[in-house]
């Protein structure tokens, strides 16, 4: 079930998070090198394994988080992209 988050480093345009994205966003919010988190597209898809994909972009990363039945795109802006990649690399979604 989607949940809402707002304030802090999160942008105001979209506040809904899928369950699988909540621990990722909470981890990113606490990380000092992250300057902004933009929550994006949520798409309903069929059942499947949870996964986290990082794609580099100017100023940070685009994350695609796949939950049990949906996926969400999140853009992370940072002063240190390599540190964010290292922070997220051991993360296992459940």
N, C-alpha and C. Protein backbone atom coordinates (compact mmCIF):
# COMPACT_ATOMS: atom_id res chain seq x y z
N UNK A 1 0.84 -1.17 0.00
CA UNK A 1 0.00 0.00 0.00
C UNK A 1 0.89 1.24 0.00
N UNK A 2 0.62 2.20 -0.89
CA UNK A 2 1.44 3.41 -0.96
C UNK A 2 1.34 4.24 0.32
N UNK A 3 2.41 4.92 0.64
CA UNK A 3 2.44 5.82 1.78
C UNK A 3 2.94 7.17 1.31
N UNK A 4 2.74 8.19 2.12
CA UNK A 4 3.13 9.54 1.74
C UNK A 4 4.26 10.04 2.63
N UNK A 5 5.17 10.79 2.02
CA UNK A 5 6.26 11.44 2.74
C UNK A 5 6.40 12.85 2.19
N UNK A 6 6.77 13.79 3.03
CA UNK A 6 6.97 15.17 2.58
C UNK A 6 7.94 15.86 3.53
N UNK A 7 8.50 16.95 3.05
CA UNK A 7 9.38 17.77 3.87
C UNK A 7 10.83 17.36 3.77
N UNK A 8 11.67 18.13 4.41
CA UNK A 8 13.10 17.84 4.40
C UNK A 8 13.68 17.91 3.00
N UNK A 9 14.33 16.86 2.57
CA UNK A 9 14.99 16.82 1.28
C UNK A 9 14.05 16.41 0.15
N UNK A 10 12.81 16.06 0.47
CA UNK A 10 11.86 15.62 -0.54
C UNK A 10 11.20 16.81 -1.23
N UNK A 11 11.04 16.72 -2.55
CA UNK A 11 10.35 17.78 -3.29
C UNK A 11 8.86 17.68 -3.02
N UNK A 12 8.16 18.74 -3.31
CA UNK A 12 6.73 18.81 -2.97
C UNK A 12 5.80 18.31 -4.06
N UNK A 13 6.29 18.09 -5.26
CA UNK A 13 5.40 17.78 -6.37
C UNK A 13 4.72 16.41 -6.26
N UNK A 14 5.33 15.48 -5.58
CA UNK A 14 4.78 14.13 -5.50
C UNK A 14 5.23 13.55 -4.16
N UNK A 15 4.31 13.01 -3.37
CA UNK A 15 4.66 12.55 -2.03
C UNK A 15 4.41 11.07 -1.79
N UNK A 16 3.97 10.34 -2.79
CA UNK A 16 3.60 8.95 -2.60
C UNK A 16 4.81 8.03 -2.80
N UNK A 17 4.95 7.07 -1.90
CA UNK A 17 6.02 6.06 -1.98
C UNK A 17 5.41 4.67 -1.97
N UNK A 18 5.99 3.76 -2.76
CA UNK A 18 5.60 2.36 -2.64
C UNK A 18 6.33 1.80 -1.43
N UNK A 19 5.85 0.69 -0.89
CA UNK A 19 6.43 0.11 0.31
C UNK A 19 7.92 -0.18 0.18
N UNK A 20 8.33 -0.69 -0.97
CA UNK A 20 9.73 -1.05 -1.17
C UNK A 20 10.65 0.17 -1.18
N UNK A 21 10.12 1.35 -1.48
CA UNK A 21 10.94 2.57 -1.58
C UNK A 21 11.13 3.26 -0.23
N UNK A 22 10.31 2.95 0.74
CA UNK A 22 10.37 3.64 2.03
C UNK A 22 11.74 3.52 2.70
N UNK A 23 12.31 2.31 2.87
CA UNK A 23 13.62 2.25 3.53
C UNK A 23 14.72 2.95 2.73
N UNK A 24 14.63 2.94 1.42
CA UNK A 24 15.63 3.59 0.57
C UNK A 24 15.57 5.10 0.79
N UNK A 25 14.38 5.67 0.75
CA UNK A 25 14.21 7.11 0.92
C UNK A 25 14.62 7.54 2.33
N UNK A 26 14.27 6.77 3.34
CA UNK A 26 14.66 7.10 4.71
C UNK A 26 16.18 7.10 4.86
N UNK A 27 16.86 6.15 4.23
CA UNK A 27 18.31 6.08 4.26
C UNK A 27 18.92 7.30 3.56
N UNK A 28 18.37 7.64 2.40
CA UNK A 28 18.87 8.78 1.64
C UNK A 28 18.64 10.11 2.36
N UNK A 29 17.51 10.25 3.02
CA UNK A 29 17.22 11.49 3.75
C UNK A 29 18.23 11.74 4.86
N UNK A 30 18.72 10.69 5.47
CA UNK A 30 19.66 10.82 6.58
C UNK A 30 21.11 11.01 6.11
N UNK A 31 21.37 10.81 4.82
CA UNK A 31 22.74 10.87 4.30
C UNK A 31 23.09 12.33 3.97
N UNK A 32 24.17 12.87 4.55
CA UNK A 32 24.50 14.29 4.36
C UNK A 32 24.80 14.72 2.92
N UNK A 33 25.33 13.84 2.09
CA UNK A 33 25.69 14.20 0.72
C UNK A 33 24.48 14.33 -0.21
N UNK A 34 23.31 13.89 0.23
CA UNK A 34 22.10 14.00 -0.58
C UNK A 34 21.48 15.38 -0.34
N UNK A 35 21.26 16.12 -1.43
CA UNK A 35 20.70 17.46 -1.30
C UNK A 35 19.21 17.51 -1.60
N UNK A 36 18.72 16.63 -2.48
CA UNK A 36 17.30 16.64 -2.83
C UNK A 36 16.89 15.26 -3.33
N UNK A 37 15.65 14.89 -3.03
CA UNK A 37 15.08 13.62 -3.50
C UNK A 37 13.76 13.96 -4.18
N UNK A 38 13.65 13.54 -5.43
CA UNK A 38 12.43 13.80 -6.19
C UNK A 38 11.72 12.48 -6.47
N UNK A 39 10.55 12.32 -5.87
CA UNK A 39 9.76 11.10 -6.06
C UNK A 39 9.05 11.18 -7.39
N UNK A 40 9.09 10.09 -8.14
CA UNK A 40 8.52 10.12 -9.48
C UNK A 40 7.49 9.04 -9.73
N UNK A 41 7.43 8.67 -10.99
CA UNK A 41 6.48 7.73 -11.54
C UNK A 41 6.30 6.48 -10.68
N UNK A 42 5.05 6.11 -10.48
CA UNK A 42 4.70 4.82 -9.89
C UNK A 42 3.89 4.09 -10.94
N UNK A 43 4.31 2.88 -11.22
CA UNK A 43 3.64 2.08 -12.25
C UNK A 43 3.28 0.72 -11.66
N UNK A 44 2.06 0.30 -11.87
CA UNK A 44 1.62 -1.01 -11.43
C UNK A 44 2.08 -2.04 -12.46
N UNK A 45 2.77 -3.07 -11.98
CA UNK A 45 3.26 -4.14 -12.85
C UNK A 45 2.92 -5.47 -12.22
N UNK A 46 3.18 -6.53 -12.91
CA UNK A 46 2.87 -7.86 -12.38
C UNK A 46 3.78 -8.25 -11.23
N UNK A 47 3.44 -9.35 -10.60
CA UNK A 47 4.24 -9.85 -9.48
C UNK A 47 5.64 -10.22 -9.93
N UNK A 48 6.59 -10.03 -9.03
CA UNK A 48 7.97 -10.36 -9.34
C UNK A 48 8.88 -10.01 -8.18
N UNK A 49 10.17 -10.29 -8.34
CA UNK A 49 11.12 -10.03 -7.25
C UNK A 49 11.41 -8.54 -7.10
N UNK A 50 11.67 -8.12 -5.86
CA UNK A 50 12.03 -6.74 -5.60
C UNK A 50 13.45 -6.49 -6.08
N UNK A 51 13.69 -5.25 -6.53
CA UNK A 51 14.98 -4.93 -7.10
C UNK A 51 15.22 -3.43 -7.00
N UNK A 52 16.49 -3.04 -7.00
CA UNK A 52 16.88 -1.64 -7.01
C UNK A 52 17.90 -1.45 -8.11
N UNK A 53 17.63 -0.51 -9.02
CA UNK A 53 18.55 -0.22 -10.13
C UNK A 53 18.97 1.24 -10.05
N UNK A 54 20.28 1.50 -10.17
CA UNK A 54 20.81 2.86 -10.17
C UNK A 54 21.30 3.21 -11.56
N UNK A 55 20.89 4.38 -12.04
CA UNK A 55 21.34 4.87 -13.34
C UNK A 55 21.92 6.27 -13.15
N UNK A 56 23.17 6.47 -13.56
CA UNK A 56 23.79 7.79 -13.35
C UNK A 56 23.12 8.87 -14.20
N UNK A 57 23.10 10.06 -13.65
CA UNK A 57 22.62 11.22 -14.39
C UNK A 57 23.34 12.45 -13.84
N UNK A 58 23.25 13.55 -14.52
CA UNK A 58 23.94 14.76 -14.10
C UNK A 58 23.45 15.17 -12.71
N UNK A 59 24.35 15.29 -11.77
CA UNK A 59 24.01 15.74 -10.43
C UNK A 59 23.55 14.65 -9.49
N UNK A 60 23.57 13.38 -9.91
CA UNK A 60 23.14 12.33 -8.99
C UNK A 60 22.79 11.04 -9.67
N UNK A 61 21.67 10.45 -9.22
CA UNK A 61 21.25 9.13 -9.68
C UNK A 61 19.76 9.09 -9.92
N UNK A 62 19.36 8.28 -10.88
CA UNK A 62 17.96 7.92 -11.05
C UNK A 62 17.84 6.50 -10.52
N UNK A 63 16.95 6.30 -9.57
CA UNK A 63 16.72 4.98 -8.99
C UNK A 63 15.41 4.43 -9.53
N UNK A 64 15.41 3.16 -9.85
CA UNK A 64 14.18 2.46 -10.19
C UNK A 64 14.04 1.36 -9.14
N UNK A 65 13.00 1.49 -8.33
CA UNK A 65 12.76 0.55 -7.25
C UNK A 65 11.55 -0.28 -7.61
N UNK A 66 11.75 -1.59 -7.66
CA UNK A 66 10.67 -2.51 -7.99
C UNK A 66 10.20 -3.18 -6.72
N UNK A 67 8.93 -3.01 -6.42
CA UNK A 67 8.33 -3.70 -5.29
C UNK A 67 7.72 -5.01 -5.75
N UNK A 68 6.85 -5.59 -4.94
CA UNK A 68 6.22 -6.86 -5.31
C UNK A 68 5.32 -6.74 -6.53
N UNK A 69 4.58 -5.64 -6.64
CA UNK A 69 3.64 -5.49 -7.75
C UNK A 69 3.71 -4.12 -8.43
N UNK A 70 4.65 -3.27 -8.02
CA UNK A 70 4.76 -1.95 -8.64
C UNK A 70 6.21 -1.49 -8.68
N UNK A 71 6.45 -0.45 -9.47
CA UNK A 71 7.79 0.12 -9.49
C UNK A 71 7.69 1.62 -9.38
N UNK A 72 8.76 2.23 -8.85
CA UNK A 72 8.79 3.67 -8.67
C UNK A 72 10.15 4.20 -9.08
N UNK A 73 10.12 5.35 -9.76
CA UNK A 73 11.35 6.04 -10.12
C UNK A 73 11.59 7.17 -9.12
N UNK A 74 12.84 7.31 -8.69
CA UNK A 74 13.22 8.35 -7.75
C UNK A 74 14.51 8.97 -8.26
N UNK A 75 14.57 10.30 -8.27
CA UNK A 75 15.78 11.00 -8.66
C UNK A 75 16.44 11.53 -7.40
N UNK A 76 17.73 11.24 -7.25
CA UNK A 76 18.49 11.66 -6.08
C UNK A 76 19.57 12.63 -6.54
N UNK A 77 19.56 13.83 -5.97
CA UNK A 77 20.58 14.83 -6.26
C UNK A 77 21.58 14.85 -5.12
N UNK A 78 22.87 14.88 -5.47
CA UNK A 78 23.90 14.74 -4.45
C UNK A 78 25.17 15.50 -4.81
N UNK A 79 25.93 15.82 -3.80
CA UNK A 79 27.24 16.44 -4.00
C UNK A 79 28.31 15.39 -4.18
N UNK A 80 28.00 14.13 -3.86
CA UNK A 80 28.98 13.04 -3.96
C UNK A 80 28.30 11.77 -4.49
N UNK A 81 28.13 11.66 -5.82
CA UNK A 81 27.43 10.51 -6.39
C UNK A 81 28.06 9.16 -6.03
N UNK A 82 29.36 9.10 -5.96
CA UNK A 82 30.03 7.83 -5.64
C UNK A 82 29.70 7.37 -4.22
N UNK A 83 29.63 8.29 -3.28
CA UNK A 83 29.28 7.94 -1.90
C UNK A 83 27.85 7.40 -1.82
N UNK A 84 26.95 7.98 -2.59
CA UNK A 84 25.56 7.51 -2.60
C UNK A 84 25.49 6.11 -3.21
N UNK A 85 26.24 5.88 -4.28
CA UNK A 85 26.26 4.54 -4.89
C UNK A 85 26.77 3.51 -3.89
N UNK A 86 27.83 3.84 -3.16
CA UNK A 86 28.36 2.93 -2.15
C UNK A 86 27.37 2.71 -1.02
N UNK A 87 26.64 3.75 -0.65
CA UNK A 87 25.62 3.62 0.40
C UNK A 87 24.53 2.65 0.00
N UNK A 88 24.10 2.71 -1.27
CA UNK A 88 22.98 1.90 -1.73
C UNK A 88 23.39 0.52 -2.24
N UNK A 89 24.65 0.31 -2.56
CA UNK A 89 25.06 -0.96 -3.18
C UNK A 89 24.79 -2.20 -2.32
N UNK A 90 24.98 -2.16 -1.00
CA UNK A 90 24.68 -3.40 -0.24
C UNK A 90 23.21 -3.55 0.14
N UNK A 91 22.39 -2.54 -0.20
CA UNK A 91 20.99 -2.56 0.20
C UNK A 91 20.23 -3.69 -0.47
N UNK A 92 19.56 -4.46 0.34
CA UNK A 92 18.71 -5.55 -0.16
C UNK A 92 17.28 -5.22 0.17
N UNK A 93 16.44 -5.17 -0.83
CA UNK A 93 15.02 -4.93 -0.59
C UNK A 93 14.34 -6.22 -0.20
N UNK A 94 13.34 -6.12 0.68
CA UNK A 94 12.59 -7.29 1.10
C UNK A 94 11.13 -7.13 0.76
